C-alpha atoms as a PDB file:
ATOM      1  CA  MET A   1       0.382 -37.685  98.045  1.00  0.00           C
ATOM      2  CA  PHE A   2       2.187 -40.710  96.714  1.00  0.00           C
ATOM      3  CA  GLY A   3       5.481 -40.402  94.962  1.00  0.00           C
ATOM      4  CA  LYS A   4       6.075 -41.998  91.576  1.00  0.00           C
ATOM      5  CA  THR A   5       9.170 -43.731  90.362  1.00  0.00           C
ATOM      6  CA  MET A   6       9.813 -42.472  86.838  1.00  0.00           C
ATOM      7  CA  SER A   7      11.216 -44.929  84.353  1.00  0.00           C
ATOM      8  CA  PRO A   8      14.743 -44.043  83.224  1.00  0.00           C
ATOM      9  CA  TRP A   9      13.515 -44.502  79.639  1.00  0.00           C
ATOM     10  CA  ILE A  10      10.964 -41.686  80.090  1.00  0.00           C
ATOM     11  CA  THR A  11      13.701 -39.247  81.146  1.00  0.00           C
ATOM     12  CA  LEU A  12      15.719 -39.797  77.981  1.00  0.00           C
ATOM     13  CA  PRO A  13      15.521 -37.219  75.156  1.00  0.00           C
ATOM     14  CA  VAL A  14      12.955 -38.057  72.493  1.00  0.00           C
ATOM     15  CA  SER A  15      15.610 -38.955  69.922  1.00  0.00           C
ATOM     16  CA  GLU A  16      17.253 -41.443  72.334  1.00  0.00           C
ATOM     17  CA  ARG A  17      13.879 -42.916  73.278  1.00  0.00           C
ATOM     18  CA  LEU A  18      13.133 -43.480  69.602  1.00  0.00           C
ATOM     19  CA  GLN A  19      16.520 -45.053  68.999  1.00  0.00           C
ATOM     20  CA  SER A  20      16.041 -47.434  71.916  1.00  0.00           C
ATOM     21  CA  HIS A  21      12.849 -48.879  70.452  1.00  0.00           C
ATOM     22  CA  PHE A  22      13.243 -48.458  66.689  1.00  0.00           C
ATOM     23  CA  SER A  23      15.889 -49.109  64.104  1.00  0.00           C
ATOM     24  CA  THR A  24      18.116 -46.328  62.790  1.00  0.00           C
ATOM     25  CA  ALA A  25      16.196 -46.379  59.503  1.00  0.00           C
ATOM     26  CA  GLN A  26      12.867 -45.971  61.315  1.00  0.00           C
ATOM     27  CA  VAL A  27      14.170 -43.059  63.377  1.00  0.00           C
ATOM     28  CA  ARG A  28      15.578 -41.388  60.276  1.00  0.00           C
ATOM     29  CA  HIS A  29      12.262 -41.822  58.469  1.00  0.00           C
ATOM     30  CA  HIS A  30      10.377 -40.325  61.431  1.00  0.00           C
ATOM     31  CA  MET A  31      12.689 -37.321  61.606  1.00  0.00           C
ATOM     32  CA  GLU A  32      12.465 -36.726  57.854  1.00  0.00           C
ATOM     33  CA  ALA A  33       8.666 -36.863  58.052  1.00  0.00           C
ATOM     34  CA  GLU A  34       8.746 -34.223  60.782  1.00  0.00           C
ATOM     35  CA  LYS A  35      10.932 -31.982  58.615  1.00  0.00           C
ATOM     36  CA  VAL A  36       8.536 -32.327  55.696  1.00  0.00           C
ATOM     37  CA  ASP A  37       5.538 -31.544  57.915  1.00  0.00           C
ATOM     38  CA  ALA A  38       7.355 -28.442  59.196  1.00  0.00           C
ATOM     39  CA  ALA A  39       8.023 -27.336  55.619  1.00  0.00           C
ATOM     40  CA  TRP A  40       4.355 -27.716  54.691  1.00  0.00           C
ATOM     41  CA  LYS A  41       3.375 -25.773  57.816  1.00  0.00           C
ATOM     42  CA  ALA A  42       5.664 -22.869  56.867  1.00  0.00           C
ATOM     43  CA  THR A  43       4.243 -22.906  53.345  1.00  0.00           C
ATOM     44  CA  ARG A  44       0.675 -22.740  54.639  1.00  0.00           C
ATOM     45  CA  HIS A  45       1.509 -19.801  56.912  1.00  0.00           C
ATOM     46  CA  SER A  46       3.311 -17.976  54.108  1.00  0.00           C
ATOM     47  CA  LEU A  47       0.245 -18.182  51.869  1.00  0.00           C
ATOM     48  CA  ILE A  48      -1.474 -15.723  54.200  1.00  0.00           C
ATOM     49  CA  HIS A  49       1.429 -13.276  53.782  1.00  0.00           C
ATOM     50  CA  LEU A  50       1.068 -13.442  50.014  1.00  0.00           C
ATOM     51  CA  PHE A  51      -2.397 -11.910  50.151  1.00  0.00           C
ATOM     52  CA  GLN A  52      -1.740  -9.442  53.006  1.00  0.00           C
ATOM     53  CA  GLU A  53      -1.704  -6.436  50.685  1.00  0.00           C
ATOM     54  CA  SER A  54      -5.140  -7.258  49.278  1.00  0.00           C
ATOM     55  CA  SER A  55      -8.074  -5.224  50.521  1.00  0.00           C
ATOM     56  CA  ARG A  56     -10.526  -8.072  49.935  1.00  0.00           C
ATOM     57  CA  PHE A  57      -9.698 -11.577  51.073  1.00  0.00           C
ATOM     58  CA  GLU A  58     -10.883 -14.038  53.694  1.00  0.00           C
ATOM     59  CA  ALA A  59      -8.522 -16.483  55.351  1.00  0.00           C
ATOM     60  CA  ILE A  60      -8.582 -19.327  57.839  1.00  0.00           C
ATOM     61  CA  LEU A  61      -5.365 -20.629  59.372  1.00  0.00           C
ATOM     62  CA  THR A  62      -4.974 -23.501  61.818  1.00  0.00           C
ATOM     63  CA  GLU A  63      -2.125 -25.835  62.689  1.00  0.00           C
ATOM     64  CA  ALA A  64      -2.737 -28.031  59.627  1.00  0.00           C
ATOM     65  CA  PHE A  65      -5.053 -26.053  57.341  1.00  0.00           C
ATOM     66  CA  VAL A  66      -5.105 -22.766  55.470  1.00  0.00           C
ATOM     67  CA  SER A  67      -7.580 -21.273  53.040  1.00  0.00           C
ATOM     68  CA  VAL A  68      -7.595 -17.980  51.177  1.00  0.00           C
ATOM     69  CA  LEU A  69     -10.737 -16.788  49.435  1.00  0.00           C
ATOM     70  CA  THR A  70     -11.013 -13.709  47.210  1.00  0.00           C
ATOM     71  CA  PRO A  71     -13.926 -12.423  45.125  1.00  0.00           C
ATOM     72  CA  LEU A  72     -11.884 -13.101  41.982  1.00  0.00           C
ATOM     73  CA  PRO A  73     -12.976 -15.978  39.688  1.00  0.00           C
ATOM     74  CA  TYR A  74      -9.572 -17.653  39.302  1.00  0.00           C
ATOM     75  CA  PRO A  75      -8.561 -20.899  41.055  1.00  0.00           C
ATOM     76  CA  ASP A  76      -4.983 -19.733  41.682  1.00  0.00           C
ATOM     77  CA  LEU A  77      -6.386 -16.849  43.739  1.00  0.00           C
ATOM     78  CA  ASN A  78      -8.671 -19.061  45.856  1.00  0.00           C
ATOM     79  CA  MET A  79      -6.760 -21.852  47.556  1.00  0.00           C
ATOM     80  CA  ALA A  80      -6.931 -24.307  50.407  1.00  0.00           C
ATOM     81  CA  VAL A  81      -4.034 -26.438  51.654  1.00  0.00           C
ATOM     82  CA  LEU A  82      -4.741 -29.353  53.989  1.00  0.00           C
ATOM     83  CA  GLY A  83      -1.904 -30.974  55.923  1.00  0.00           C
ATOM     84  CA  ARG A  84      -1.158 -34.655  56.369  1.00  0.00           C
ATOM     85  CA  SER A  85      -3.481 -36.419  58.829  1.00  0.00           C
ATOM     86  CA  SER A  86      -5.227 -33.129  59.495  1.00  0.00           C
ATOM     87  CA  PRO A  87      -8.277 -33.108  61.789  1.00  0.00           C
ATOM     88  CA  ASP A  88      -9.485 -30.015  59.932  1.00  0.00           C
ATOM     89  CA  SER A  89     -11.195 -31.686  56.983  1.00  0.00           C
ATOM     90  CA  ARG A  90     -14.408 -29.997  58.124  1.00  0.00           C
ATOM     91  CA  LEU A  91     -12.768 -26.658  57.317  1.00  0.00           C
ATOM     92  CA  LEU A  92     -12.118 -27.885  53.790  1.00  0.00           C
ATOM     93  CA  THR A  93     -15.808 -28.803  53.506  1.00  0.00           C
ATOM     94  CA  HIS A  94     -16.723 -25.303  54.713  1.00  0.00           C
ATOM     95  CA  PHE A  95     -14.303 -23.705  52.222  1.00  0.00           C
ATOM     96  CA  LEU A  96     -15.753 -25.671  49.312  1.00  0.00           C
ATOM     97  CA  GLY A  97     -19.293 -24.826  50.387  1.00  0.00           C
ATOM     98  CA  THR A  98     -18.445 -21.122  50.456  1.00  0.00           C
ATOM     99  CA  CYS A  99     -16.842 -21.330  47.003  1.00  0.00           C
ATOM    100  CA  ARG A 100     -19.919 -22.996  45.574  1.00  0.00           C
ATOM    101  CA  GLN A 101     -22.204 -20.455  47.214  1.00  0.00           C
ATOM    102  CA  LYS A 102     -20.204 -17.592  45.704  1.00  0.00           C
ATOM    103  CA  TYR A 103     -19.628 -19.368  42.361  1.00  0.00           C
ATOM    104  CA  THR A 104     -15.882 -19.093  42.882  1.00  0.00           C
ATOM    105  CA  PRO A 105     -13.537 -21.672  41.314  1.00  0.00           C
ATOM    106  CA  SER A 106     -10.795 -22.845  43.653  1.00  0.00           C
ATOM    107  CA  LEU A 107      -7.722 -25.031  43.966  1.00  0.00           C
ATOM    108  CA  CYS A 108      -7.309 -27.505  46.840  1.00  0.00           C
ATOM    109  CA  LEU A 109      -3.954 -29.026  47.742  1.00  0.00           C
ATOM    110  CA  VAL A 110      -4.074 -32.065  49.999  1.00  0.00           C
ATOM    111  CA  VAL A 111      -1.087 -33.718  51.663  1.00  0.00           C
ATOM    112  CA  GLY A 112      -2.044 -37.330  52.301  1.00  0.00           C
ATOM    113  CA  GLU A 113      -5.438 -38.937  51.928  1.00  0.00           C
ATOM    114  CA  THR A 114      -8.658 -36.935  52.215  1.00  0.00           C
ATOM    115  CA  PRO A 115     -11.753 -38.848  51.065  1.00  0.00           C
ATOM    116  CA  GLU A 116     -13.802 -35.627  51.031  1.00  0.00           C
ATOM    117  CA  CYS A 117     -11.998 -34.486  47.888  1.00  0.00           C
ATOM    118  CA  HIS A 118     -13.048 -37.601  46.012  1.00  0.00           C
ATOM    119  CA  THR A 119     -16.670 -37.369  47.100  1.00  0.00           C
ATOM    120  CA  ALA A 120     -17.158 -33.597  46.821  1.00  0.00           C
ATOM    121  CA  GLY A 121     -17.245 -33.433  43.033  1.00  0.00           C
ATOM    122  CA  LEU A 122     -13.702 -32.088  42.685  1.00  0.00           C
ATOM    123  CA  GLN A 123     -11.611 -32.693  39.600  1.00  0.00           C
ATOM    124  CA  PRO A 124      -8.177 -34.282  40.231  1.00  0.00           C
ATOM    125  CA  VAL A 125      -5.533 -32.299  38.346  1.00  0.00           C
ATOM    126  CA  GLY A 126      -2.318 -34.057  39.309  1.00  0.00           C
ATOM    127  CA  SER A 127       0.129 -33.213  42.062  1.00  0.00           C
ATOM    128  CA  ILE A 128       2.123 -30.181  43.168  1.00  0.00           C
ATOM    129  CA  PRO A 129       5.690 -30.655  44.468  1.00  0.00           C
ATOM    130  CA  LEU A 130       7.048 -28.837  47.509  1.00  0.00           C
ATOM    131  CA  MET A 131      10.729 -28.228  46.806  1.00  0.00           C
ATOM    132  CA  GLN A 132      13.619 -27.171  49.020  1.00  0.00           C
ATOM    133  CA  LEU A 133      16.941 -25.620  48.090  1.00  0.00           C
ATOM    134  CA  ARG A 134      19.805 -27.959  48.955  1.00  0.00           C
ATOM    135  CA  ASN A 135      22.697 -27.153  46.599  1.00  0.00           C
ATOM    136  CA  GLN A 136      22.439 -23.725  45.034  1.00  0.00           C
ATOM    137  CA  THR A 137      23.958 -23.366  41.584  1.00  0.00           C
ATOM    138  CA  THR A 138      25.145 -20.132  40.004  1.00  0.00           C
ATOM    139  CA  PRO A 139      23.384 -19.301  36.735  1.00  0.00           C
ATOM    140  CA  ILE A 140      25.191 -17.332  34.047  1.00  0.00           C
ATOM    141  CA  ALA A 141      24.361 -13.665  34.582  1.00  0.00           C
ATOM    142  CA  ALA A 142      23.184 -11.637  31.611  1.00  0.00           C
ATOM    143  CA  SER A 143      24.880  -8.238  31.587  1.00  0.00           C
ATOM    144  CA  HIS A 144      21.777  -6.465  30.276  1.00  0.00           C
ATOM    145  CA  ILE A 145      19.604  -7.705  33.169  1.00  0.00           C
ATOM    146  CA  HIS A 146      19.535  -6.001  36.557  1.00  0.00           C
ATOM    147  CA  CYS A 147      17.948  -7.899  39.467  1.00  0.00           C
ATOM    148  CA  LEU A 148      16.993  -6.124  42.686  1.00  0.00           C
ATOM    149  CA  PRO A 149      14.231  -5.722  45.269  1.00  0.00           C
ATOM    150  CA  ALA A 150      11.258  -3.765  43.968  1.00  0.00           C
ATOM    151  CA  ALA A 151      12.060  -0.112  44.699  1.00  0.00           C
ATOM    152  CA  ASN A 152       8.718   1.621  44.213  1.00  0.00           C
ATOM    153  CA  ASP A 153       5.021   1.169  43.477  1.00  0.00           C
ATOM    154  CA  CYS A 154       5.696   1.372  39.751  1.00  0.00           C
ATOM    155  CA  ASN A 155       7.913  -1.722  40.005  1.00  0.00           C
ATOM    156  CA  ILE A 156       5.107  -3.546  41.830  1.00  0.00           C
ATOM    157  CA  ARG A 157       2.540  -2.701  39.179  1.00  0.00           C
ATOM    158  CA  GLU A 158       4.930  -3.815  36.419  1.00  0.00           C
ATOM    159  CA  ALA A 159       5.589  -7.029  38.340  1.00  0.00           C
ATOM    160  CA  ASN A 160       1.841  -7.632  38.566  1.00  0.00           C
ATOM    161  CA  HIS A 161       1.574  -7.292  34.786  1.00  0.00           C
ATOM    162  CA  VAL A 162       4.378  -9.839  34.339  1.00  0.00           C
ATOM    163  CA  VAL A 163       2.574 -12.340  36.600  1.00  0.00           C
ATOM    164  CA  ALA A 164      -0.695 -11.682  34.771  1.00  0.00           C
ATOM    165  CA  ALA A 165       0.857 -12.370  31.370  1.00  0.00           C
ATOM    166  CA  ALA A 166       2.677 -15.499  32.546  1.00  0.00           C
ATOM    167  CA  PHE A 167      -0.366 -17.060  34.264  1.00  0.00           C
ATOM    168  CA  ASP A 168      -3.009 -15.768  31.843  1.00  0.00           C
ATOM    169  CA  ILE A 169      -4.909 -13.834  34.519  1.00  0.00           C
ATOM    170  CA  PRO A 170      -6.002 -10.199  34.029  1.00  0.00           C
ATOM    171  CA  ALA A 171      -3.590  -7.696  35.551  1.00  0.00           C
ATOM    172  CA  GLU A 172      -6.464  -6.062  37.437  1.00  0.00           C
ATOM    173  CA  ALA A 173      -7.148  -9.370  39.208  1.00  0.00           C
ATOM    174  CA  ILE A 174      -3.485  -9.829  40.186  1.00  0.00           C
ATOM    175  CA  GLU A 175      -3.342  -6.277  41.535  1.00  0.00           C
ATOM    176  CA  SER A 176      -6.568  -6.783  43.474  1.00  0.00           C
ATOM    177  CA  ALA A 177      -5.211 -10.000  45.012  1.00  0.00           C
ATOM    178  CA  PHE A 178      -1.647  -8.898  45.788  1.00  0.00           C
ATOM    179  CA  GLY A 179      -1.864  -5.121  45.937  1.00  0.00           C
ATOM    180  CA  GLY A 180      -0.320  -2.445  43.716  1.00  0.00           C
ATOM    181  CA  ASN A 181       2.099  -0.894  46.205  1.00  0.00           C
ATOM    182  CA  ILE A 182       5.344  -1.784  47.952  1.00  0.00           C
ATOM    183  CA  PRO A 183       4.332  -4.409  50.556  1.00  0.00           C
ATOM    184  CA  GLN A 184       3.902  -3.030  54.059  1.00  0.00           C
ATOM    185  CA  HIS A 185       3.948  -6.481  55.632  1.00  0.00           C
ATOM    186  CA  PRO A 186       7.474  -7.080  57.019  1.00  0.00           C
ATOM    187  CA  GLY A 187       7.434 -10.730  55.975  1.00  0.00           C
ATOM    188  CA  LEU A 188       6.752 -10.125  52.280  1.00  0.00           C
ATOM    189  CA  ARG A 189       9.198  -8.902  49.639  1.00  0.00           C
ATOM    190  CA  VAL A 190       9.045  -8.543  45.869  1.00  0.00           C
ATOM    191  CA  TYR A 191      12.083  -8.926  43.609  1.00  0.00           C
ATOM    192  CA  VAL A 192      12.248  -7.837  39.983  1.00  0.00           C
ATOM    193  CA  ALA A 193      14.520  -8.263  36.972  1.00  0.00           C
ATOM    194  CA  LYS A 194      14.744  -5.188  34.775  1.00  0.00           C
ATOM    195  CA  GLN A 195      15.786  -4.908  31.157  1.00  0.00           C
ATOM    196  CA  ALA A 196      16.118  -1.388  29.730  1.00  0.00           C
ATOM    197  CA  ASP A 197      14.220   0.000  32.759  1.00  0.00           C
ATOM    198  CA  SER A 198      11.258  -2.350  32.256  1.00  0.00           C
ATOM    199  CA  VAL A 199      10.387  -5.221  34.609  1.00  0.00           C
ATOM    200  CA  VAL A 200      10.574  -8.509  32.689  1.00  0.00           C
ATOM    201  CA  SER A 201      10.563 -10.993  35.574  1.00  0.00           C
ATOM    202  CA  SER A 202       9.456 -11.024  39.198  1.00  0.00           C
ATOM    203  CA  LEU A 203       8.970 -13.197  42.250  1.00  0.00           C
ATOM    204  CA  ARG A 204       7.642 -12.818  45.765  1.00  0.00           C
ATOM    205  CA  ILE A 205       9.203 -14.159  48.951  1.00  0.00           C
ATOM    206  CA  SER A 206       7.286 -14.680  52.170  1.00  0.00           C
ATOM    207  CA  ARG A 207       9.375 -15.062  55.319  1.00  0.00           C
ATOM    208  CA  ILE A 208       8.434 -17.258  58.267  1.00  0.00           C
ATOM    209  CA  GLY A 209      11.380 -16.720  60.605  1.00  0.00           C
ATOM    210  CA  SER A 210      14.473 -18.060  58.858  1.00  0.00           C
ATOM    211  CA  THR A 211      12.367 -19.862  56.230  1.00  0.00           C
ATOM    212  CA  ALA A 212      11.763 -18.102  52.913  1.00  0.00           C
ATOM    213  CA  VAL A 213       8.932 -19.386  50.712  1.00  0.00           C
ATOM    214  CA  ILE A 214       9.081 -18.450  47.034  1.00  0.00           C
ATOM    215  CA  TRP A 215       5.843 -17.540  45.251  1.00  0.00           C
ATOM    216  CA  CYS A 216       4.663 -16.252  41.870  1.00  0.00           C
ATOM    217  CA  MET A 217       7.914 -16.498  39.968  1.00  0.00           C
ATOM    218  CA  ALA A 218       7.105 -15.302  36.462  1.00  0.00           C
ATOM    219  CA  THR A 219       8.854 -13.982  33.367  1.00  0.00           C
ATOM    220  CA  SER A 220       7.283 -12.075  30.486  1.00  0.00           C
ATOM    221  CA  PRO A 221       6.549 -14.405  27.562  1.00  0.00           C
ATOM    222  CA  ASP A 222       8.899 -12.458  25.271  1.00  0.00           C
ATOM    223  CA  SER A 223      11.771 -12.767  27.781  1.00  0.00           C
ATOM    224  CA  GLN A 224      11.494 -16.445  28.665  1.00  0.00           C
ATOM    225  CA  ARG A 225      14.225 -19.052  28.069  1.00  0.00           C
ATOM    226  CA  GLN A 226      16.975 -16.461  28.437  1.00  0.00           C
ATOM    227  CA  GLY A 227      18.080 -17.382  31.957  1.00  0.00           C
ATOM    228  CA  ILE A 228      16.460 -14.321  33.512  1.00  0.00           C
ATOM    229  CA  GLY A 229      14.340 -16.237  36.040  1.00  0.00           C
ATOM    230  CA  PRO A 230      17.296 -18.198  37.513  1.00  0.00           C
ATOM    231  CA  GLN A 231      19.336 -14.985  37.705  1.00  0.00           C
ATOM    232  CA  LEU A 232      16.532 -13.234  39.582  1.00  0.00           C
ATOM    233  CA  LEU A 233      16.112 -16.218  41.907  1.00  0.00           C
ATOM    234  CA  GLN A 234      19.810 -16.183  42.786  1.00  0.00           C
ATOM    235  CA  THR A 235      19.618 -12.465  43.610  1.00  0.00           C
ATOM    236  CA  ALA A 236      16.587 -13.003  45.857  1.00  0.00           C
ATOM    237  CA  ILE A 237      18.176 -15.951  47.691  1.00  0.00           C
ATOM    238  CA  THR A 238      21.434 -14.058  48.257  1.00  0.00           C
ATOM    239  CA  SER A 239      19.541 -11.024  49.573  1.00  0.00           C
ATOM    240  CA  GLU A 240      17.370 -13.097  51.912  1.00  0.00           C
ATOM    241  CA  ARG A 241      20.395 -14.944  53.293  1.00  0.00           C
ATOM    242  CA  GLN A 242      21.853 -11.592  54.298  1.00  0.00           C
ATOM    243  CA  THR A 243      18.840 -11.082  56.571  1.00  0.00           C
ATOM    244  CA  GLY A 244      18.965 -14.529  58.180  1.00  0.00           C
ATOM    245  CA  ALA A 245      17.140 -16.896  55.819  1.00  0.00           C
ATOM    246  CA  ASP A 246      18.638 -20.383  55.732  1.00  0.00           C
ATOM    247  CA  ASN A 247      15.756 -22.480  54.415  1.00  0.00           C
ATOM    248  CA  PHE A 248      14.191 -21.890  50.996  1.00  0.00           C
ATOM    249  CA  LEU A 249      10.941 -23.566  49.935  1.00  0.00           C
ATOM    250  CA  TRP A 250       9.039 -23.470  46.673  1.00  0.00           C
ATOM    251  CA  LEU A 251       5.563 -24.766  45.895  1.00  0.00           C
ATOM    252  CA  ALA A 252       6.524 -25.464  42.322  1.00  0.00           C
ATOM    253  CA  THR A 253       4.849 -26.683  39.161  1.00  0.00           C
ATOM    254  CA  PRO A 254       5.476 -30.160  37.732  1.00  0.00           C
ATOM    255  CA  ALA A 255       6.378 -28.610  34.373  1.00  0.00           C
ATOM    256  CA  GLY A 256       9.239 -26.650  35.903  1.00  0.00           C
ATOM    257  CA  MET A 257      10.664 -29.378  38.159  1.00  0.00           C
ATOM    258  CA  ARG A 258      13.614 -30.225  35.914  1.00  0.00           C
ATOM    259  CA  LEU A 259      14.670 -26.578  35.799  1.00  0.00           C
ATOM    260  CA  TYR A 260      14.274 -26.183  39.549  1.00  0.00           C
ATOM    261  CA  GLU A 261      16.351 -29.308  40.148  1.00  0.00           C
ATOM    262  CA  LYS A 262      19.125 -27.818  38.014  1.00  0.00           C
ATOM    263  CA  LEU A 263      18.995 -24.760  40.280  1.00  0.00           C
ATOM    264  CA  GLY A 264      19.641 -26.943  43.331  1.00  0.00           C
ATOM    265  CA  PHE A 265      16.127 -27.739  44.565  1.00  0.00           C
ATOM    266  CA  ILE A 266      14.942 -31.178  45.613  1.00  0.00           C
ATOM    267  CA  THR A 267      11.397 -32.443  46.089  1.00  0.00           C
ATOM    268  CA  LEU A 268      10.433 -32.812  49.760  1.00  0.00           C
ATOM    269  CA  GLY A 269       6.899 -34.040  49.156  1.00  0.00           C
ATOM    270  CA  GLU A 270       3.844 -33.692  46.991  1.00  0.00           C
ATOM    271  CA  ALA A 271       0.266 -32.579  47.451  1.00  0.00           C
ATOM    272  CA  SER A 272      -2.646 -33.925  45.438  1.00  0.00           C
ATOM    273  CA  ALA A 273      -4.320 -31.073  43.560  1.00  0.00           C
ATOM    274  CA  PHE A 274      -8.079 -30.835  43.083  1.00  0.00           C
ATOM    275  CA  LEU A 275      -9.983 -28.232  41.116  1.00  0.00           C
ATOM    276  CA  LEU A 276     -13.443 -26.929  41.950  1.00  0.00           C
ATOM    277  CA  THR A 277     -15.159 -25.415  38.943  1.00  0.00           C
ATOM    278  CA  THR A 278     -18.450 -23.538  39.008  1.00  0.00           C
END
């Protein structure tokens, strides 16, 4: 058995090794890229939580890929998210093949370049920003609005109707995808805003450790542009912080980016969005 003399450079921490060979700017860029990749990873994992209350869904989750497939004919309820430089492009091909076989429209989000999306007959539909809360602002609270965690199954069903109206998807489909009862999964919570005892806005939060990913924020069409959504979001963030959350992510919509930025969110990265129609 021959001994080996280890280079002093090898024994240094990774950050010091990087700094010894690269400029400060290069190290900073590398570390920021790792943070963004970690945020995308948490978002992919949280997507599984979102559908945990459904009785009918299929999912695949790997280090850099997630797909959720339901029997419902709506792209927002059949999604695949592929990470940057992922070796799992074959899983995306399998997902698309299954969607075509079942005549199910789907939405594919791709971080980085994936030639398969351009050659598989998918329709490019822009990009989706992944946002992170950096400087939370305090919206003006409306005295007639009460924001709180969903307290019972009735709140959940009302929240499903709000999401259905906001995204133009039948309420029965939303309930089939997300369930009609208080979530039993410990990592999933639903928050609602109530006006005169009726739910007018809702959102879901999926927890991955201390990271909270915001999903399905929606306000009834008749109650929009009244500051209800930001008030509900503040309530949810404050509540989640009390249970250890310190990182808030949001797979947002381009149309709402300016509003989200006013609420203290910044864009970490973007995913190219592709639509499969049948």
